[in-house]
Amino acid sequence: MKAAKAFAPAHVTGIFEICDATDDLRKKGSRGAGVCINQGVYTKVTLEKSSKNRMEIWVNRTRSSLAEVSETVAGLFLTETNARVNLKIEHMFQVPIGEGFGASGAGALSLALALNEALDLGLNRVESAQKAHIAEVLCKTGLGTVSAETSGGLEIRTKPGAPGIGKIEKIPISNDHLFVSLSLGCLSTKKALSSQKLRCLINKWGRKLLTRILSKPDLESFLTSSREFAERTGIIPRRIRKVLKETDASTIVCSMPIFGKGIFTILKKSDLEKIVRVFKKYGPMENIIVSKINFEGAKLIED
């Protein structure tokens, strides 16, 4: 029996542009900007030889039959070997699923790194991450998340594509900044990416605002451009609008995670109490995430 474990940080996108007009799955992706946080997804894989491939997937200690992305990632890796195995995949999510934290991508990426290790395939970190990216594209659950989560930090994806193909620049930010968010529900990435009207708005404003961030790559530019992106694309629901009105009054720039019904910001520790006080008026404390920025990206975990 062999086992391996990996971690991938969660990622919140503030702004993006869809770039999928190619048949090469590794080159499909997005340009955009977002931030990786220290909370994310831990994935453990355990396998033993078998007469045929069998797979079971667990999500937060509950067996799941609705793990399309994980099944796709596993399938991509199992085709690389002639071995037949009983495979157990255990995901532990520290962030909500479907609420704009790139949870699907983090699950796929951490699984890819762990599978490569357990199967002794000898792929490097980038090659493993490329398979996670392909799975996300095939399942229509993400375009640039895996690349961002491989890189870490507050990043700008300047060229679309999987890790090793797309290009990323970092926005300088100090270790004393904190990511803070309030989650209030789900938005379907798959449904949003299928709306032609929304795709047009995303690409129009994503392209314009990304140019602005690139001309002034700092935290203020990222936050204000992310907020304008959410406003211009019309994705802000009424419930979120109420919270934004109050955070604006407190002079803290906030925006929406793409795609999730929530609010996020990045600020100094000195402002933490003020923003948490506002968020607590609109949701329970367990829906508030406070995290440091993750600068390292996805990695294998030694037991």
Protein backbone atom coordinates (compact mmCIF):
# COMPACT_ATOMS: atom_id res chain seq x y z
CA MET A 1 0.00 0.00 0.00
CA LYS A 2 1.24 3.50 -0.88
CA ALA A 3 0.03 6.88 0.30
CA ALA A 4 0.80 10.54 -0.38
CA LYS A 5 -0.60 13.85 0.79
CA ALA A 6 -0.61 17.35 -0.70
CA PHE A 7 -2.01 20.81 -0.05
CA ALA A 8 -3.22 23.54 -2.39
CA PRO A 9 -4.23 27.01 -1.23
CA ALA A 10 -7.66 28.44 -1.86
CA HIS A 11 -7.79 31.29 -4.37
CA VAL A 12 -10.17 34.22 -4.78
CA THR A 13 -10.41 35.86 -8.19
CA GLY A 14 -11.07 39.58 -8.26
CA ILE A 15 -11.05 40.12 -12.01
CA PHE A 16 -10.65 37.95 -15.10
CA GLU A 17 -10.97 37.62 -18.85
CA ILE A 18 -12.02 34.33 -20.49
CA CYS A 19 -9.46 33.01 -22.99
CA ASP A 20 -10.77 29.67 -24.27
CA ALA A 21 -10.79 30.10 -28.07
CA THR A 22 -8.39 27.22 -28.67
CA ASP A 23 -8.68 23.45 -28.89
CA ASP A 24 -5.52 22.94 -26.84
CA LEU A 25 -6.74 22.31 -23.29
CA ARG A 26 -3.40 23.38 -21.84
CA LYS A 27 -3.69 26.78 -23.56
CA LYS A 28 -7.30 27.43 -22.56
CA GLY A 29 -7.52 29.60 -19.51
CA SER A 30 -7.96 33.15 -18.32
CA ARG A 31 -6.11 36.36 -17.74
CA GLY A 32 -6.88 38.03 -14.45
CA ALA A 33 -5.86 38.81 -10.90
CA GLY A 34 -6.52 37.20 -7.55
CA VAL A 35 -5.07 36.12 -4.23
CA CYS A 36 -4.12 32.80 -2.62
CA ILE A 37 -4.76 32.28 1.08
CA ASN A 38 -3.35 29.94 3.71
CA GLN A 39 -6.59 28.02 4.02
CA GLY A 40 -7.23 25.54 1.24
CA VAL A 41 -7.56 21.82 0.52
CA TYR A 42 -5.57 18.90 1.91
CA THR A 43 -5.79 15.71 -0.14
CA LYS A 44 -4.54 12.25 0.80
CA VAL A 45 -4.43 9.36 -1.65
CA THR A 46 -4.00 5.73 -0.64
CA LEU A 47 -3.60 2.96 -3.19
CA GLU A 48 -2.87 -0.74 -3.42
CA LYS A 49 -2.52 -3.12 -6.35
CA SER A 50 -5.71 -4.67 -7.68
CA SER A 51 -7.04 -6.72 -10.60
CA LYS A 52 -8.82 -3.62 -11.92
CA ASN A 53 -9.07 0.07 -11.09
CA ARG A 54 -11.48 0.96 -8.32
CA MET A 55 -11.94 4.40 -6.81
CA GLU A 56 -13.64 5.92 -3.80
CA ILE A 57 -13.68 9.63 -2.99
CA TRP A 58 -14.27 11.18 0.40
CA VAL A 59 -14.99 14.86 1.03
CA ASN A 60 -14.62 16.08 4.62
CA ARG A 61 -14.95 12.51 5.92
CA THR A 62 -18.12 11.77 3.91
CA ARG A 63 -18.06 9.47 0.89
CA SER A 64 -19.04 11.36 -2.25
CA SER A 65 -20.50 10.28 -5.59
CA LEU A 66 -20.50 13.87 -6.89
CA ALA A 67 -16.80 14.49 -7.40
CA GLU A 68 -16.53 14.90 -11.17
CA VAL A 69 -13.32 16.92 -11.11
CA SER A 70 -11.51 14.48 -8.80
CA GLU A 71 -12.64 11.54 -10.93
CA THR A 72 -11.35 13.33 -14.04
CA VAL A 73 -7.98 14.10 -12.44
CA ALA A 74 -7.61 10.49 -11.28
CA GLY A 75 -8.51 9.21 -14.74
CA LEU A 76 -5.84 11.39 -16.36
CA PHE A 77 -3.18 10.01 -14.03
CA LEU A 78 -4.27 6.37 -14.21
CA THR A 79 -3.91 6.41 -18.00
CA GLU A 80 -0.20 7.14 -17.42
CA THR A 81 0.40 3.72 -15.85
CA ASN A 82 -0.34 0.07 -16.62
CA ALA A 83 -0.87 -0.64 -12.93
CA ARG A 84 -4.36 -1.43 -11.65
CA VAL A 85 -5.16 -0.08 -8.20
CA ASN A 86 -7.73 0.37 -5.50
CA LEU A 87 -7.61 4.13 -5.00
CA LYS A 88 -8.95 6.04 -2.02
CA ILE A 89 -9.03 9.84 -2.28
CA GLU A 90 -9.65 11.90 0.85
CA HIS A 91 -10.23 15.65 0.49
CA MET A 92 -10.36 17.97 3.48
CA PHE A 93 -11.73 21.39 2.50
CA GLN A 94 -10.98 24.32 4.80
CA VAL A 95 -13.06 26.68 2.64
CA PRO A 96 -16.66 26.47 1.41
CA ILE A 97 -17.24 24.73 -1.92
CA GLY A 98 -18.86 26.70 -4.74
CA GLU A 99 -18.51 30.08 -3.04
CA GLY A 100 -15.65 31.65 -4.98
CA PHE A 101 -12.63 30.19 -3.19
CA GLY A 102 -11.29 28.07 -6.04
CA ALA A 103 -12.05 24.97 -3.97
CA SER A 104 -12.50 22.76 -7.01
CA GLY A 105 -9.14 23.82 -8.41
CA ALA A 106 -7.42 23.35 -5.05
CA GLY A 107 -8.92 19.88 -4.76
CA ALA A 108 -7.79 19.00 -8.28
CA LEU A 109 -4.30 20.41 -7.79
CA SER A 110 -3.62 18.80 -4.42
CA LEU A 111 -4.93 15.50 -5.81
CA ALA A 112 -2.65 15.76 -8.85
CA LEU A 113 0.46 16.29 -6.73
CA ALA A 114 -0.46 13.43 -4.39
CA LEU A 115 -1.30 11.01 -7.22
CA ASN A 116 1.95 11.66 -9.03
CA GLU A 117 3.83 10.87 -5.85
CA ALA A 118 1.84 7.75 -4.92
CA LEU A 119 1.92 6.32 -8.44
CA ASP A 120 5.67 7.04 -8.86
CA LEU A 121 5.03 8.64 -12.25
CA GLY A 122 8.02 10.95 -12.01
CA LEU A 123 6.22 14.04 -13.30
CA ASN A 124 7.50 17.35 -12.02
CA ARG A 125 5.31 19.81 -10.11
CA VAL A 126 4.32 21.77 -13.22
CA GLU A 127 3.49 18.66 -15.28
CA SER A 128 1.28 17.36 -12.48
CA ALA A 129 -0.46 20.73 -12.15
CA GLN A 130 -1.15 20.78 -15.90
CA LYS A 131 -3.32 17.68 -15.51
CA ALA A 132 -5.32 19.41 -12.76
CA HIS A 133 -5.81 22.40 -15.08
CA ILE A 134 -7.00 20.14 -17.91
CA ALA A 135 -9.52 18.48 -15.58
CA GLU A 136 -10.91 21.86 -14.52
CA VAL A 137 -11.28 22.95 -18.14
CA LEU A 138 -12.96 19.68 -19.13
CA CYS A 139 -15.41 19.94 -16.22
CA LYS A 140 -16.02 23.68 -16.83
CA THR A 141 -15.27 24.47 -13.19
CA GLY A 142 -12.33 26.84 -13.68
CA LEU A 143 -9.93 28.40 -16.15
CA GLY A 144 -7.11 30.10 -14.28
CA THR A 145 -7.47 28.83 -10.73
CA VAL A 146 -4.96 25.99 -10.91
CA SER A 147 -2.25 28.25 -12.33
CA ALA A 148 -2.82 30.79 -9.57
CA GLU A 149 -2.84 28.14 -6.83
CA THR A 150 0.38 26.64 -8.17
CA SER A 151 2.02 30.07 -7.97
CA GLY A 152 0.63 31.52 -4.73
CA GLY A 153 0.59 35.16 -3.63
CA LEU A 154 -1.34 38.14 -4.93
CA GLU A 155 -0.98 37.49 -8.64
CA ILE A 156 -1.75 38.77 -12.12
CA ARG A 157 -2.22 36.11 -14.80
CA THR A 158 -0.88 37.96 -17.84
CA LYS A 159 -1.02 35.04 -20.28
CA PRO A 160 -3.68 32.30 -20.21
CA GLY A 161 -2.97 28.62 -19.89
CA ALA A 162 -1.95 25.82 -17.58
CA PRO A 163 1.05 26.12 -15.25
CA GLY A 164 4.20 26.25 -17.37
CA ILE A 165 2.27 27.75 -20.31
CA GLY A 166 0.47 30.74 -18.85
CA LYS A 167 2.47 33.59 -17.34
CA ILE A 168 2.07 35.17 -13.91
CA GLU A 169 3.36 38.37 -12.34
CA LYS A 170 3.22 39.05 -8.61
CA ILE A 171 1.76 42.14 -6.97
CA PRO A 172 4.02 43.10 -4.05
CA ILE A 173 2.33 42.70 -0.68
CA SER A 174 3.73 42.40 2.82
CA ASN A 175 3.29 39.51 5.25
CA ASP A 176 1.32 41.67 7.67
CA HIS A 177 -1.70 41.86 5.36
CA LEU A 178 -4.75 39.68 5.97
CA PHE A 179 -7.44 38.34 3.66
CA VAL A 180 -10.93 38.66 5.16
CA SER A 181 -14.20 37.44 3.63
CA LEU A 182 -17.85 36.86 4.39
CA SER A 183 -19.56 34.01 2.51
CA LEU A 184 -23.30 34.13 1.90
CA GLY A 185 -23.92 31.45 -0.73
CA CYS A 186 -22.99 29.84 -4.03
CA LEU A 187 -22.77 30.95 -7.63
CA SER A 188 -22.31 28.33 -10.36
CA THR A 189 -19.08 28.81 -12.29
CA LYS A 190 -20.28 26.38 -14.96
CA LYS A 191 -23.57 28.26 -15.41
CA ALA A 192 -21.88 31.66 -15.47
CA LEU A 193 -19.31 30.59 -18.05
CA SER A 194 -22.17 29.33 -20.25
CA SER A 195 -23.96 32.72 -20.34
CA GLN A 196 -22.98 34.53 -23.52
CA LYS A 197 -24.14 37.89 -22.20
CA LEU A 198 -22.10 37.56 -19.03
CA ARG A 199 -19.07 36.27 -20.94
CA CYS A 200 -19.13 39.41 -23.12
CA LEU A 201 -19.27 41.70 -20.07
CA ILE A 202 -16.54 39.72 -18.31
CA ASN A 203 -14.21 39.98 -21.30
CA LYS A 204 -14.92 43.63 -21.99
CA TRP A 205 -14.29 44.82 -18.45
CA GLY A 206 -11.76 42.17 -17.53
CA ARG A 207 -9.51 43.31 -20.37
CA LYS A 208 -9.88 47.01 -19.53
CA LEU A 209 -9.37 46.66 -15.80
CA LEU A 210 -6.50 44.22 -16.11
CA THR A 211 -4.68 46.83 -18.18
CA ARG A 212 -5.23 49.27 -15.31
CA ILE A 213 -3.78 46.86 -12.74
CA LEU A 214 -0.77 46.13 -14.94
CA SER A 215 -0.05 49.85 -15.20
CA LYS A 216 -0.13 50.15 -11.39
CA PRO A 217 0.38 46.70 -9.87
CA ASP A 218 -0.33 47.30 -6.21
CA LEU A 219 -2.94 46.26 -3.64
CA GLU A 220 -5.04 49.42 -3.98
CA SER A 221 -5.28 49.00 -7.74
CA PHE A 222 -6.23 45.32 -7.34
CA LEU A 223 -9.01 46.04 -4.85
CA THR A 224 -10.52 49.04 -6.65
CA SER A 225 -10.35 47.31 -10.05
CA SER A 226 -11.91 44.14 -8.60
CA ARG A 227 -14.77 46.17 -7.20
CA GLU A 228 -15.33 47.96 -10.51
CA PHE A 229 -15.28 44.59 -12.28
CA ALA A 230 -18.05 43.29 -10.02
CA GLU A 231 -20.05 46.49 -10.58
CA ARG A 232 -19.61 46.61 -14.36
CA THR A 233 -20.49 42.95 -14.92
CA GLY A 234 -23.66 43.26 -12.84
CA ILE A 235 -22.99 40.23 -10.65
CA ILE A 236 -23.64 41.91 -7.28
CA PRO A 237 -26.91 40.65 -5.71
CA ARG A 238 -29.05 42.86 -3.47
CA ARG A 239 -27.97 41.12 -0.28
CA ILE A 240 -24.30 41.75 -1.02
CA ARG A 241 -25.03 45.34 -2.04
CA LYS A 242 -26.21 46.09 1.50
CA VAL A 243 -22.93 44.91 2.99
CA LEU A 244 -20.88 46.82 0.42
CA LYS A 245 -22.75 50.00 1.25
CA GLU A 246 -21.65 49.71 4.86
CA THR A 247 -18.05 48.73 4.09
CA ASP A 248 -17.83 51.72 1.74
CA ALA A 249 -18.99 53.93 4.59
CA SER A 250 -16.21 52.51 6.76
CA THR A 251 -13.70 53.41 3.99
CA ILE A 252 -12.59 49.82 3.43
CA VAL A 253 -12.56 48.77 -0.24
CA CYS A 254 -14.28 45.40 -0.69
CA SER A 255 -15.41 43.37 -3.68
CA MET A 256 -17.05 40.06 -4.54
CA PRO A 257 -15.18 36.80 -5.05
CA ILE A 258 -15.71 35.52 -8.60
CA PHE A 259 -17.85 33.33 -8.45
CA GLY A 260 -19.43 33.40 -5.01
CA LYS A 261 -22.09 35.30 -3.09
CA GLY A 262 -19.80 37.01 -0.67
CA ILE A 263 -17.47 39.89 0.06
CA PHE A 264 -13.72 40.01 0.47
CA THR A 265 -10.94 42.46 1.12
CA ILE A 266 -7.24 42.52 1.97
CA LEU A 267 -6.13 44.82 4.76
CA LYS A 268 -3.69 45.48 7.57
CA LYS A 269 -4.23 43.79 10.93
CA SER A 270 -5.10 47.15 12.46
CA ASP A 271 -8.32 47.26 10.39
CA LEU A 272 -9.36 43.66 11.09
CA GLU A 273 -11.67 44.39 14.04
CA LYS A 274 -13.51 47.08 12.07
CA ILE A 275 -14.30 44.86 9.06
CA VAL A 276 -15.24 41.84 11.16
CA ARG A 277 -17.65 44.02 13.13
CA VAL A 278 -19.42 44.94 9.88
CA PHE A 279 -19.44 41.37 8.50
CA LYS A 280 -20.95 39.99 11.73
CA LYS A 281 -24.06 42.10 11.14
CA TYR A 282 -24.79 40.18 7.94
CA GLY A 283 -23.67 36.62 8.61
CA PRO A 284 -22.58 34.23 11.37
CA MET A 285 -18.98 34.19 12.55
CA GLU A 286 -18.44 30.75 11.00
CA ASN A 287 -19.03 32.32 7.56
CA ILE A 288 -16.16 34.76 8.08
CA ILE A 289 -12.70 33.69 6.94
CA VAL A 290 -9.59 35.47 8.17
CA SER A 291 -6.35 34.23 6.65
CA LYS A 292 -2.81 35.20 5.86
CA ILE A 293 -1.75 35.35 2.22
CA ASN A 294 -0.25 32.12 0.89
CA PHE A 295 2.98 32.88 -0.97
CA GLU A 296 4.20 29.31 -1.48
CA GLY A 297 1.53 27.71 -3.66
CA ALA A 298 0.61 24.02 -3.77
CA LYS A 299 3.00 21.48 -2.26
CA LEU A 300 3.43 17.89 -1.13
CA ILE A 301 3.01 17.28 2.60
CA GLU A 302 5.34 14.98 4.51
CA ASP A 303 3.54 12.83 7.08
